[in-house]
Protein backbone atom coordinates (compact mmCIF):
# COMPACT_ATOMS: atom_id res chain seq x y z
CA MET A 1 9.26 -93.08 -34.44
CA ILE A 2 6.51 -90.51 -34.94
CA GLU A 3 6.22 -89.27 -38.50
CA PRO A 4 5.82 -85.51 -39.00
CA PRO A 5 2.39 -84.29 -40.13
CA VAL A 6 1.66 -83.39 -43.75
CA PRO A 7 0.49 -79.83 -44.55
CA VAL A 8 -2.56 -79.58 -46.81
CA LEU A 9 -4.43 -76.60 -48.20
CA ILE A 10 -8.19 -76.77 -47.74
CA SER A 11 -10.18 -74.38 -49.93
CA ILE A 12 -13.97 -74.16 -49.80
CA VAL A 13 -16.36 -71.85 -51.66
CA ALA A 14 -19.97 -72.54 -50.68
CA PRO A 15 -23.35 -70.98 -50.00
CA ASP A 16 -23.08 -69.22 -46.64
CA ARG A 17 -24.79 -71.20 -43.90
CA VAL A 18 -24.99 -70.80 -40.14
CA GLY A 19 -22.82 -73.47 -38.52
CA LEU A 20 -20.58 -74.06 -41.53
CA ILE A 21 -17.35 -73.19 -39.69
CA ALA A 22 -18.30 -75.36 -36.71
CA GLU A 23 -19.14 -78.33 -38.93
CA VAL A 24 -16.01 -78.03 -41.09
CA THR A 25 -13.56 -77.50 -38.22
CA GLY A 26 -15.25 -80.25 -36.17
CA ALA A 27 -14.81 -82.72 -39.04
CA LEU A 28 -11.18 -81.68 -39.45
CA TYR A 29 -10.57 -82.14 -35.72
CA ASP A 30 -12.09 -85.62 -35.90
CA LEU A 31 -9.60 -86.46 -38.68
CA GLY A 32 -6.69 -85.31 -36.49
CA ALA A 33 -6.07 -81.97 -38.18
CA ASN A 34 -4.15 -79.18 -36.52
CA LEU A 35 -5.24 -75.91 -38.15
CA GLY A 36 -2.64 -73.32 -39.07
CA ASP A 37 -3.39 -70.11 -40.94
CA THR A 38 -7.16 -70.00 -41.45
CA ALA A 39 -9.44 -67.45 -43.13
CA PHE A 40 -13.20 -67.14 -43.59
CA ALA A 41 -15.23 -64.49 -45.39
CA VAL A 42 -18.82 -64.02 -46.47
CA LEU A 43 -18.87 -63.11 -50.17
CA GLY A 44 -22.37 -62.02 -51.20
CA ALA A 45 -24.67 -64.98 -50.45
CA GLY A 46 -21.68 -67.32 -50.49
CA CYS A 47 -18.59 -67.76 -48.36
CA GLU A 48 -14.97 -68.75 -48.64
CA PHE A 49 -13.06 -70.79 -46.08
CA SER A 50 -9.40 -71.66 -46.45
CA CYS A 51 -6.75 -73.03 -44.18
CA VAL A 52 -3.46 -74.83 -44.01
CA ALA A 53 -3.92 -77.89 -41.83
CA GLU A 54 -1.32 -80.34 -40.58
CA MET A 55 -2.72 -83.82 -41.15
CA PRO A 56 -1.45 -87.13 -39.81
CA ARG A 57 0.43 -89.00 -42.56
CA ALA A 58 -2.14 -91.80 -42.30
CA VAL A 59 -4.89 -89.40 -43.47
CA PRO A 60 -4.33 -88.53 -47.15
CA ALA A 61 -5.73 -85.38 -48.75
CA ALA A 62 -8.29 -87.44 -50.71
CA GLU A 63 -9.71 -88.82 -47.45
CA VAL A 64 -9.96 -85.32 -45.97
CA GLU A 65 -11.78 -84.09 -49.08
CA ALA A 66 -14.16 -87.07 -49.06
CA ALA A 67 -15.02 -86.50 -45.38
CA LEU A 68 -15.72 -82.81 -45.99
CA ARG A 69 -17.89 -83.55 -49.05
CA ARG A 70 -20.19 -85.62 -46.81
CA LEU A 71 -21.00 -82.60 -44.60
CA PRO A 72 -24.53 -81.18 -45.04
CA SER A 73 -23.25 -77.59 -44.79
CA LEU A 74 -21.02 -78.17 -47.82
CA ALA A 75 -23.73 -79.39 -50.20
CA GLY A 76 -23.06 -77.65 -53.52
CA ALA A 77 -19.63 -76.42 -52.43
CA ASP A 78 -16.53 -76.04 -54.56
CA LEU A 79 -14.06 -77.93 -52.38
CA ARG A 80 -10.38 -78.77 -52.83
CA VAL A 81 -7.84 -80.39 -50.54
CA THR A 82 -4.31 -80.39 -51.93
CA ALA A 83 -0.74 -80.66 -50.73
CA PHE A 84 0.57 -77.33 -49.42
CA PRO A 85 3.91 -76.83 -51.19
CA PHE A 86 5.16 -73.80 -49.26
CA ALA A 87 6.94 -73.46 -45.92
CA GLU A 88 4.50 -72.95 -43.09
CA GLY A 89 6.73 -70.60 -41.09
CA LYS A 90 6.19 -66.90 -41.62
CA GLU A 91 8.81 -64.45 -42.71
CA ALA A 92 9.03 -60.84 -41.57
CA ALA A 93 7.13 -59.85 -44.74
CA ALA A 94 4.02 -61.49 -43.23
CA ASP A 95 4.12 -59.64 -39.88
CA ILE A 96 1.38 -57.01 -40.06
CA THR A 97 2.67 -53.62 -38.94
CA HIS A 98 -0.13 -51.33 -40.15
CA VAL A 99 -3.80 -51.45 -41.07
CA VAL A 100 -4.88 -49.02 -43.81
CA GLU A 101 -8.59 -48.41 -44.48
CA VAL A 102 -9.90 -46.59 -47.53
CA GLU A 103 -13.56 -45.58 -47.70
CA GLY A 104 -15.79 -43.84 -50.20
CA GLY A 105 -17.64 -44.21 -53.46
CA ASP A 106 -16.99 -46.83 -56.10
CA ARG A 107 -13.56 -46.27 -57.65
CA PRO A 108 -12.57 -48.91 -60.23
CA GLY A 109 -8.83 -49.49 -59.94
CA LEU A 110 -8.66 -48.55 -56.26
CA ILE A 111 -7.18 -51.86 -55.14
CA ALA A 112 -4.62 -51.80 -57.97
CA ARG A 113 -3.57 -48.20 -57.20
CA MET A 114 -3.21 -48.79 -53.46
CA SER A 115 -1.35 -52.07 -54.01
CA GLU A 116 1.07 -50.28 -56.33
CA VAL A 117 1.80 -47.73 -53.58
CA PHE A 118 2.58 -50.50 -51.09
CA THR A 119 4.81 -52.26 -53.63
CA GLU A 120 6.71 -49.03 -54.32
CA PHE A 121 7.71 -48.88 -50.64
CA GLY A 122 8.51 -52.59 -50.30
CA ALA A 123 5.41 -53.19 -48.18
CA ASN A 124 3.67 -56.56 -48.38
CA VAL A 125 -0.14 -56.82 -48.29
CA VAL A 126 -0.77 -59.68 -45.86
CA ARG A 127 -4.58 -59.49 -45.86
CA MET A 128 -7.07 -57.45 -47.83
CA ASN A 129 -10.81 -57.12 -47.45
CA SER A 130 -13.24 -55.00 -49.45
CA ARG A 131 -16.97 -54.69 -48.91
CA ARG A 132 -19.96 -52.58 -49.84
CA VAL A 133 -21.68 -50.75 -46.99
CA ALA A 134 -25.19 -49.32 -47.42
CA GLY A 135 -25.75 -45.95 -45.79
CA PRO A 136 -28.14 -42.99 -45.85
CA SER A 137 -26.17 -41.33 -48.66
CA GLY A 138 -25.95 -44.51 -50.76
CA THR A 139 -23.52 -47.35 -51.10
CA ARG A 140 -19.97 -46.81 -49.91
CA TYR A 141 -17.02 -49.12 -50.23
CA LEU A 142 -14.69 -49.96 -47.35
CA THR A 143 -11.36 -51.56 -48.24
CA MET A 144 -8.95 -52.68 -45.53
CA PHE A 145 -5.32 -53.58 -46.15
CA ALA A 146 -3.29 -55.29 -43.41
CA VAL A 147 0.28 -54.55 -44.45
CA ALA A 148 3.83 -55.44 -43.41
CA MET A 149 5.86 -52.26 -43.93
CA PRO A 150 9.66 -52.22 -43.76
CA ALA A 151 11.14 -50.37 -40.80
CA GLY A 152 12.02 -46.81 -41.72
CA ARG A 153 9.66 -46.66 -44.72
CA ALA A 154 6.27 -46.73 -42.99
CA GLU A 155 5.84 -42.97 -42.64
CA SER A 156 6.53 -42.33 -46.34
CA CYS A 157 4.39 -45.29 -47.40
CA LEU A 158 1.44 -44.12 -45.29
CA ALA A 159 1.74 -40.58 -46.66
CA ALA A 160 1.74 -41.91 -50.23
CA ALA A 161 -1.28 -44.14 -49.47
CA HIS A 162 -3.11 -41.15 -47.97
CA ASN A 163 -2.29 -39.00 -51.03
CA THR A 164 -3.38 -41.72 -53.46
CA ALA A 165 -6.71 -42.17 -51.66
CA GLY A 166 -7.17 -38.39 -51.65
CA GLN A 167 -6.61 -38.22 -55.41
CA LEU A 168 -9.47 -40.72 -55.73
CA ASN A 169 -11.68 -38.60 -53.41
CA LEU A 170 -11.60 -41.31 -50.75
CA LEU A 171 -11.08 -41.16 -47.01
CA CYS A 172 -7.94 -42.91 -45.74
CA ARG A 173 -7.32 -44.00 -42.14
CA TYR A 174 -4.45 -46.01 -40.77
CA ARG A 175 -3.15 -47.36 -37.51
CA THR A 176 -0.31 -49.50 -36.29
CA ALA A 177 -1.17 -53.13 -35.76
């Protein structure tokens, strides 16, 4: 009888290096991992990689972590491999229906305000990304929300998001996913 795989959460924060993703995912493949949801982002001079991987039962989380710690690209990394306690299947609240982008000057509280709007309409933020962009008129911020909006509430939610961004003197764009 074949035993089902064990889901683990792999979380890495490290200096950003060319080839890091290739080295990490190659090592995971060699251990028999099957990657599920995976994310990577450059954060300043560092980076963050996280994934849920299905591991063979014969490969415990401690062995996965030890193998990753030996990789040259992860020297100095904050690395954790732990059991993933949540169901791996997605619910409708994780199906992205709209992408909302807000752009403009620095506005402390922007992410909180926009997130409150989405919550008010029962929309779930599935992914969020914010970055500084240098331009001829100075630094601008671009924040992207990938959101699962309930059927029948999207139009009102998008209008409220647009109004909230406008109150902050920010440009708001959106599209269906």
